[in-house]
């Protein structure tokens, strides 16, 4: 077996990843359907490459993505960071008393499951009841209408887990402590530069990745989906550097993704220059740790590369042959922006 480990870094990357895993889950269902179209029963398609087989504490066999998801704290919505298949343990306080003073507990309000997630839970319960009643199905007392579910998904999605059909392993979900969903200024390379190394976050993330790698027979590679429009870009770059050091000969395929808000027109020339610098530094670092980088939905990056290519063609190949191409791009862009600043 030549397994692949998937890593999703950043909010928009996890939204895209949720669609990806929903599609894989749908393919699994169609392939397992005895009355399904034969086109979905492809013998050469081995889902074990990106999925893993495990067992819950109750002895139930699980089939979950070989995935590590990294996002803001509070980004999982109604889903626990321990997943939905495994016991979450007791939340009751310990009987061991080590402090005799006043104790004040502050807890964030729990998110409620939307209608889509409720319908999935109801469907699983109905299947369990059907199996327990020798195949005799029973109608649910509180059936959720499809129209309500569609309206919920069209108007009420706030978290990427709100439309996720997939069960996740506890090691798959990592929330970066101290980074909350309502942070507005986590939008450039400098802000996220030290996030990976602070508070042992890097060790925790690497331990989670190591869990999936060590259970592989022969890992084929990593596929990264990275939201590189803001502070998650340096976090991903530092993580990739650690991966390249620990798994030297394991290739990395990286998808660089950005949400629609990252393409909005900037109000000042300074903001434009800062954004261009972010794009250049981000592309330079990320591309240096992967075999291939695939921009997804990045018209701004496409324009930047066209501009950089125009400047790069003016550089003598013999004089700069010792430089890596992204480094040339970065140098050209910095020179171009310095000239733009002097004209201001």
Protein backbone atom coordinates (compact mmCIF):
# COMPACT_ATOMS: atom_id res chain seq x y z
CA UNK A 1 0.00 0.00 0.00
CA UNK A 2 1.26 3.48 -0.92
CA UNK A 3 -0.70 5.84 1.31
CA UNK A 4 -1.20 9.60 1.04
CA UNK A 5 -1.64 11.91 4.03
CA UNK A 6 -3.74 15.03 3.46
CA UNK A 7 -3.11 18.27 5.37
CA UNK A 8 -5.50 21.24 5.33
CA UNK A 9 -4.20 24.54 6.71
CA UNK A 10 -6.43 27.58 7.12
CA UNK A 11 -10.12 28.40 7.03
CA UNK A 12 -10.77 28.44 3.29
CA UNK A 13 -8.62 25.33 2.82
CA UNK A 14 -10.86 23.47 5.25
CA UNK A 15 -14.01 24.64 3.46
CA UNK A 16 -12.61 23.23 0.21
CA UNK A 17 -11.40 20.11 1.98
CA UNK A 18 -14.87 19.52 3.42
CA UNK A 19 -16.29 19.44 -0.12
CA UNK A 20 -13.48 17.10 -1.20
CA UNK A 21 -14.18 14.59 1.57
CA UNK A 22 -17.94 14.80 1.01
CA UNK A 23 -17.32 13.82 -2.59
CA UNK A 24 -15.12 10.90 -1.53
CA UNK A 25 -17.79 9.79 0.94
CA UNK A 26 -20.39 9.91 -1.83
CA UNK A 27 -18.14 7.79 -4.05
CA UNK A 28 -17.81 5.21 -1.27
CA UNK A 29 -21.57 5.04 -0.92
CA UNK A 30 -22.16 4.64 -4.65
CA UNK A 31 -19.48 1.95 -4.91
CA UNK A 32 -21.02 0.00 -2.02
CA UNK A 33 -24.57 0.20 -3.41
CA UNK A 34 -25.40 -3.23 -4.92
CA UNK A 35 -27.94 -1.59 -7.24
CA UNK A 36 -25.71 1.34 -8.16
CA UNK A 37 -24.27 2.20 -11.54
CA UNK A 38 -21.31 -0.08 -12.43
CA UNK A 39 -19.31 2.99 -13.44
CA UNK A 40 -18.73 3.69 -9.75
CA UNK A 41 -17.42 0.19 -9.04
CA UNK A 42 -13.90 0.83 -10.27
CA UNK A 43 -11.62 -1.95 -9.14
CA UNK A 44 -8.46 0.08 -9.69
CA UNK A 45 -9.70 2.86 -7.37
CA UNK A 46 -8.34 2.08 -3.91
CA UNK A 47 -9.77 4.45 -1.30
CA UNK A 48 -7.43 3.01 1.33
CA UNK A 49 -4.79 5.32 -0.13
CA UNK A 50 -6.42 8.35 1.50
CA UNK A 51 -8.58 6.61 4.13
CA UNK A 52 -7.61 4.63 7.20
CA UNK A 53 -9.35 1.77 9.00
CA UNK A 54 -9.57 1.95 12.78
CA UNK A 55 -11.65 0.94 15.74
CA UNK A 56 -13.52 3.03 18.29
CA UNK A 57 -13.41 2.47 22.04
CA UNK A 58 -16.67 0.57 21.72
CA UNK A 59 -15.11 -1.86 19.24
CA UNK A 60 -16.86 -0.43 16.18
CA UNK A 61 -14.86 -0.41 12.96
CA UNK A 62 -14.25 3.09 11.60
CA UNK A 63 -13.18 4.31 8.17
CA UNK A 64 -11.93 7.88 8.39
CA UNK A 65 -9.81 10.21 6.22
CA UNK A 66 -6.05 10.12 6.71
CA UNK A 67 -6.22 13.83 7.37
CA UNK A 68 -4.77 16.60 9.53
CA UNK A 69 -6.85 19.78 9.64
CA UNK A 70 -5.44 23.01 11.13
CA UNK A 71 -7.62 26.04 11.75
CA UNK A 72 -8.60 28.78 14.20
CA UNK A 73 -9.75 27.91 17.68
CA UNK A 74 -13.54 27.72 17.58
CA UNK A 75 -13.65 26.89 13.87
CA UNK A 76 -15.23 23.44 14.32
CA UNK A 77 -18.67 24.74 15.25
CA UNK A 78 -20.79 22.00 16.82
CA UNK A 79 -18.17 19.30 16.17
CA UNK A 80 -15.79 18.37 18.96
CA UNK A 81 -12.05 18.43 18.34
CA UNK A 82 -12.14 14.75 19.37
CA UNK A 83 -14.41 13.92 16.46
CA UNK A 84 -17.80 12.26 16.53
CA UNK A 85 -16.89 8.57 16.68
CA UNK A 86 -14.79 8.45 19.82
CA UNK A 87 -15.68 8.94 23.47
CA UNK A 88 -15.12 12.50 24.59
CA UNK A 89 -14.73 11.59 28.24
CA UNK A 90 -16.39 13.19 31.20
CA UNK A 91 -16.54 16.95 31.64
CA UNK A 92 -17.19 16.68 35.36
CA UNK A 93 -14.58 18.22 37.67
CA UNK A 94 -12.03 15.97 39.31
CA UNK A 95 -12.62 14.84 42.88
CA UNK A 96 -9.02 15.69 43.74
CA UNK A 97 -8.99 19.15 45.35
CA UNK A 98 -5.72 21.07 45.06
CA UNK A 99 -7.09 24.59 45.48
CA UNK A 100 -9.16 25.81 48.42
CA UNK A 101 -9.87 29.28 47.05
CA UNK A 102 -12.68 30.60 44.90
CA UNK A 103 -13.04 28.99 41.47
CA UNK A 104 -14.69 30.77 38.55
CA UNK A 105 -15.45 28.84 35.38
CA UNK A 106 -15.78 30.61 32.03
CA UNK A 107 -17.02 28.47 29.14
CA UNK A 108 -18.04 29.44 25.64
CA UNK A 109 -21.56 28.61 24.56
CA UNK A 110 -21.86 25.33 22.68
CA UNK A 111 -22.86 25.51 19.04
CA UNK A 112 -26.02 23.66 18.09
CA UNK A 113 -26.07 21.25 15.17
CA UNK A 114 -27.79 22.63 12.11
CA UNK A 115 -30.59 20.77 10.33
CA UNK A 116 -28.19 19.06 7.93
CA UNK A 117 -26.09 17.55 10.73
CA UNK A 118 -29.24 16.67 12.65
CA UNK A 119 -30.56 14.82 9.59
CA UNK A 120 -27.31 12.86 9.28
CA UNK A 121 -27.50 11.86 12.94
CA UNK A 122 -31.15 10.91 12.53
CA UNK A 123 -30.32 8.80 9.49
CA UNK A 124 -27.62 6.93 11.40
CA UNK A 125 -30.04 6.28 14.25
CA UNK A 126 -32.67 5.01 11.81
CA UNK A 127 -30.15 2.61 10.27
CA UNK A 128 -29.22 1.32 13.72
CA UNK A 129 -32.90 0.81 14.60
CA UNK A 130 -33.51 -0.96 11.30
CA UNK A 131 -30.62 -3.33 11.92
CA UNK A 132 -31.86 -3.94 15.45
CA UNK A 133 -35.37 -4.75 14.25
CA UNK A 134 -34.34 -7.36 11.68
CA UNK A 135 -34.60 -4.98 8.77
CA UNK A 136 -37.98 -3.47 9.67
CA UNK A 137 -37.70 0.27 9.21
CA UNK A 138 -39.51 2.66 11.53
CA UNK A 139 -40.51 6.19 10.67
CA UNK A 140 -38.83 8.87 12.72
CA UNK A 141 -41.11 10.97 14.89
CA UNK A 142 -39.32 14.17 13.89
CA UNK A 143 -38.57 13.88 10.19
CA UNK A 144 -36.58 16.79 8.78
CA UNK A 145 -37.77 18.03 5.40
CA UNK A 146 -35.31 18.22 2.50
CA UNK A 147 -36.39 21.76 1.68
CA UNK A 148 -35.47 22.88 5.19
CA UNK A 149 -32.06 21.24 4.87
CA UNK A 150 -31.40 22.95 1.54
CA UNK A 151 -32.41 26.31 2.98
CA UNK A 152 -30.16 25.67 5.98
CA UNK A 153 -27.16 24.96 3.75
CA UNK A 154 -27.88 27.94 1.50
CA UNK A 155 -28.32 30.49 4.26
CA UNK A 156 -26.94 29.17 7.53
CA UNK A 157 -23.42 27.82 6.94
CA UNK A 158 -20.93 29.45 9.29
CA UNK A 159 -18.33 26.72 9.84
CA UNK A 160 -16.82 24.23 7.41
CA UNK A 161 -18.15 21.43 9.60
CA UNK A 162 -21.74 22.62 9.02
CA UNK A 163 -21.91 20.72 5.73
CA UNK A 164 -19.40 17.94 6.38
CA UNK A 165 -20.77 14.39 6.10
CA UNK A 166 -17.55 12.71 7.19
CA UNK A 167 -16.51 11.36 10.58
CA UNK A 168 -13.01 12.43 11.65
CA UNK A 169 -10.41 10.78 13.84
CA UNK A 170 -9.46 12.73 17.00
CA UNK A 171 -5.92 13.16 15.66
CA UNK A 172 -7.29 14.82 12.51
CA UNK A 173 -8.58 18.03 14.06
CA UNK A 174 -6.24 20.68 15.46
CA UNK A 175 -7.36 24.10 16.64
CA UNK A 176 -4.56 26.65 17.04
CA UNK A 177 -4.82 27.89 20.62
CA UNK A 178 -5.05 31.66 20.88
CA UNK A 179 -6.31 32.19 17.32
CA UNK A 180 -10.06 32.72 17.27
CA UNK A 181 -12.47 32.84 14.37
CA UNK A 182 -13.24 36.55 14.82
CA UNK A 183 -9.64 37.70 14.40
CA UNK A 184 -9.76 40.32 11.62
CA UNK A 185 -6.10 41.17 11.22
CA UNK A 186 -4.63 37.69 10.76
CA UNK A 187 -4.17 38.61 7.13
CA UNK A 188 -0.47 38.88 6.29
CA UNK A 189 2.74 36.91 6.42
CA UNK A 190 4.36 38.82 9.27
CA UNK A 191 1.51 38.27 11.73
CA UNK A 192 1.60 34.48 11.42
CA UNK A 193 5.37 34.15 11.23
CA UNK A 194 5.90 32.84 14.78
CA UNK A 195 2.60 31.00 15.28
CA UNK A 196 4.00 27.56 14.49
CA UNK A 197 6.89 27.83 16.96
CA UNK A 198 5.00 29.42 19.87
CA UNK A 199 3.55 27.46 22.81
CA UNK A 200 4.75 24.09 21.51
CA UNK A 201 2.23 24.27 18.65
CA UNK A 202 4.78 22.91 16.19
CA UNK A 203 5.43 19.84 18.31
CA UNK A 204 1.71 19.18 18.76
CA UNK A 205 1.03 19.47 15.03
CA UNK A 206 3.99 17.27 14.11
CA UNK A 207 2.89 14.63 16.63
CA UNK A 208 -0.54 14.47 15.01
CA UNK A 209 1.00 14.09 11.57
CA UNK A 210 3.39 11.44 12.86
CA UNK A 211 0.41 9.41 14.08
CA UNK A 212 -0.86 9.00 10.51
CA UNK A 213 2.55 8.52 8.92
CA UNK A 214 3.68 5.79 11.31
CA UNK A 215 0.62 3.64 10.62
CA UNK A 216 1.30 3.72 6.86
CA UNK A 217 2.93 0.71 5.20
CA UNK A 218 4.76 2.88 2.69
CA UNK A 219 3.75 6.52 2.48
CA UNK A 220 3.52 7.78 -1.08
CA UNK A 221 3.45 11.49 -0.27
CA UNK A 222 1.65 14.43 1.29
CA UNK A 223 -1.01 16.59 -0.28
CA UNK A 224 -1.35 20.02 1.33
CA UNK A 225 -4.31 22.35 0.85
CA UNK A 226 -3.18 25.74 2.17
CA UNK A 227 -5.05 29.01 2.54
CA UNK A 228 -2.05 31.20 1.72
CA UNK A 229 -3.87 34.55 1.73
CA UNK A 230 -2.96 35.44 5.32
CA UNK A 231 -1.24 34.33 8.49
CA UNK A 232 -1.71 30.63 7.83
CA UNK A 233 0.83 30.82 5.01
CA UNK A 234 3.92 31.13 7.28
CA UNK A 235 2.45 28.50 9.60
CA UNK A 236 2.17 26.13 6.64
CA UNK A 237 5.67 27.04 5.45
CA UNK A 238 7.21 26.29 8.86
CA UNK A 239 5.25 23.04 9.01
CA UNK A 240 6.44 22.08 5.53
CA UNK A 241 10.02 22.80 6.53
CA UNK A 242 9.63 20.44 9.48
CA UNK A 243 8.07 17.82 7.19
CA UNK A 244 10.92 18.11 4.69
CA UNK A 245 13.47 17.63 7.49
CA UNK A 246 11.74 14.60 9.01
CA UNK A 247 10.50 12.92 5.81
CA UNK A 248 13.30 13.85 3.45
CA UNK A 249 12.42 11.77 0.41
CA UNK A 250 8.64 12.07 0.65
CA UNK A 251 7.18 14.35 -2.07
CA UNK A 252 4.65 17.09 -1.34
CA UNK A 253 1.87 18.31 -3.65
CA UNK A 254 0.51 21.68 -2.53
CA UNK A 255 -2.74 23.39 -3.52
CA UNK A 256 -2.68 27.12 -2.74
CA UNK A 257 -6.26 28.32 -2.25
CA UNK A 258 -7.86 31.65 -1.42
CA UNK A 259 -11.35 32.83 -0.62
CA UNK A 260 -13.21 35.48 -2.66
CA UNK A 261 -12.53 38.14 -0.02
CA UNK A 262 -8.79 37.95 -0.69
CA UNK A 263 -9.35 39.35 -4.21
CA UNK A 264 -11.12 42.51 -3.07
CA UNK A 265 -9.67 45.80 -4.25
CA UNK A 266 -7.40 47.41 -1.67
CA UNK A 267 -8.10 51.01 -0.69
CA UNK A 268 -4.55 52.36 -0.60
CA UNK A 269 -1.27 51.90 -2.41
CA UNK A 270 0.39 50.86 0.86
CA UNK A 271 -2.09 48.00 1.30
CA UNK A 272 -1.46 46.93 -2.28
CA UNK A 273 2.29 46.86 -1.72
CA UNK A 274 1.89 44.90 1.53
CA UNK A 275 -0.37 42.40 -0.25
CA UNK A 276 2.11 41.99 -3.12
CA UNK A 277 4.96 41.45 -0.67
CA UNK A 278 2.89 38.83 1.13
CA UNK A 279 2.19 37.04 -2.16
CA UNK A 280 5.86 37.01 -3.14
CA UNK A 281 7.23 35.82 0.21
CA UNK A 282 4.45 33.26 0.59
CA UNK A 283 4.95 31.80 -2.88
CA UNK A 284 8.72 31.73 -2.47
CA UNK A 285 8.68 29.83 0.83
CA UNK A 286 5.84 27.43 0.08
CA UNK A 287 7.19 26.45 -3.33
CA UNK A 288 10.63 25.68 -1.91
CA UNK A 289 9.25 22.77 0.16
CA UNK A 290 7.05 21.00 -2.40
CA UNK A 291 7.48 19.18 -5.69
CA UNK A 292 4.55 20.98 -7.27
CA UNK A 293 2.39 23.93 -6.26
CA UNK A 294 -1.05 24.33 -7.85
CA UNK A 295 -2.79 27.71 -7.39
CA UNK A 296 -6.57 27.28 -7.10
CA UNK A 297 -8.77 30.30 -7.67
CA UNK A 298 -5.87 32.75 -7.62
CA UNK A 299 -6.28 35.37 -10.36
CA UNK A 300 -4.16 37.80 -8.34
CA UNK A 301 -1.32 35.28 -8.14
CA UNK A 302 -1.61 34.68 -11.88
CA UNK A 303 -1.20 38.39 -12.55
CA UNK A 304 1.75 38.51 -10.19
CA UNK A 305 3.50 35.61 -11.92
CA UNK A 306 2.99 37.20 -15.33
CA UNK A 307 4.53 40.43 -14.08
CA UNK A 308 7.44 38.60 -12.45
CA UNK A 309 8.05 36.54 -15.57
CA UNK A 310 8.35 39.74 -17.59
CA UNK A 311 11.01 41.08 -15.23
CA UNK A 312 12.78 37.74 -14.96
CA UNK A 313 13.27 37.53 -18.73
CA UNK A 314 15.47 40.62 -18.50
CA UNK A 315 17.90 38.86 -16.15
CA UNK A 316 20.87 37.04 -17.66
CA UNK A 317 20.57 33.30 -17.10
CA UNK A 318 24.32 32.86 -16.75
CA UNK A 319 24.56 35.51 -14.04
CA UNK A 320 21.67 34.12 -11.99
CA UNK A 321 21.85 30.41 -12.75
CA UNK A 322 22.69 29.62 -9.12
CA UNK A 323 19.41 31.11 -7.86
CA UNK A 324 16.17 29.20 -7.49
CA UNK A 325 13.36 30.58 -9.66
CA UNK A 326 11.08 31.67 -6.76
CA UNK A 327 14.00 33.63 -5.30
CA UNK A 328 14.42 35.48 -8.60
CA UNK A 329 10.70 36.22 -8.61
CA UNK A 330 10.91 37.55 -5.06
CA UNK A 331 13.89 39.80 -5.81
CA UNK A 332 12.22 41.23 -8.91
CA UNK A 333 8.99 41.93 -7.10
CA UNK A 334 10.76 43.66 -4.21
CA UNK A 335 12.67 45.87 -6.66
CA UNK A 336 9.47 46.69 -8.51
CA UNK A 337 7.65 47.66 -5.30
CA UNK A 338 10.55 49.76 -4.06
CA UNK A 339 10.41 51.71 -7.30
CA UNK A 340 6.66 52.11 -6.85
CA UNK A 341 7.14 53.43 -3.31
CA UNK A 342 9.72 55.98 -4.44
CA UNK A 343 7.21 57.28 -6.98
CA UNK A 344 4.59 57.85 -4.25
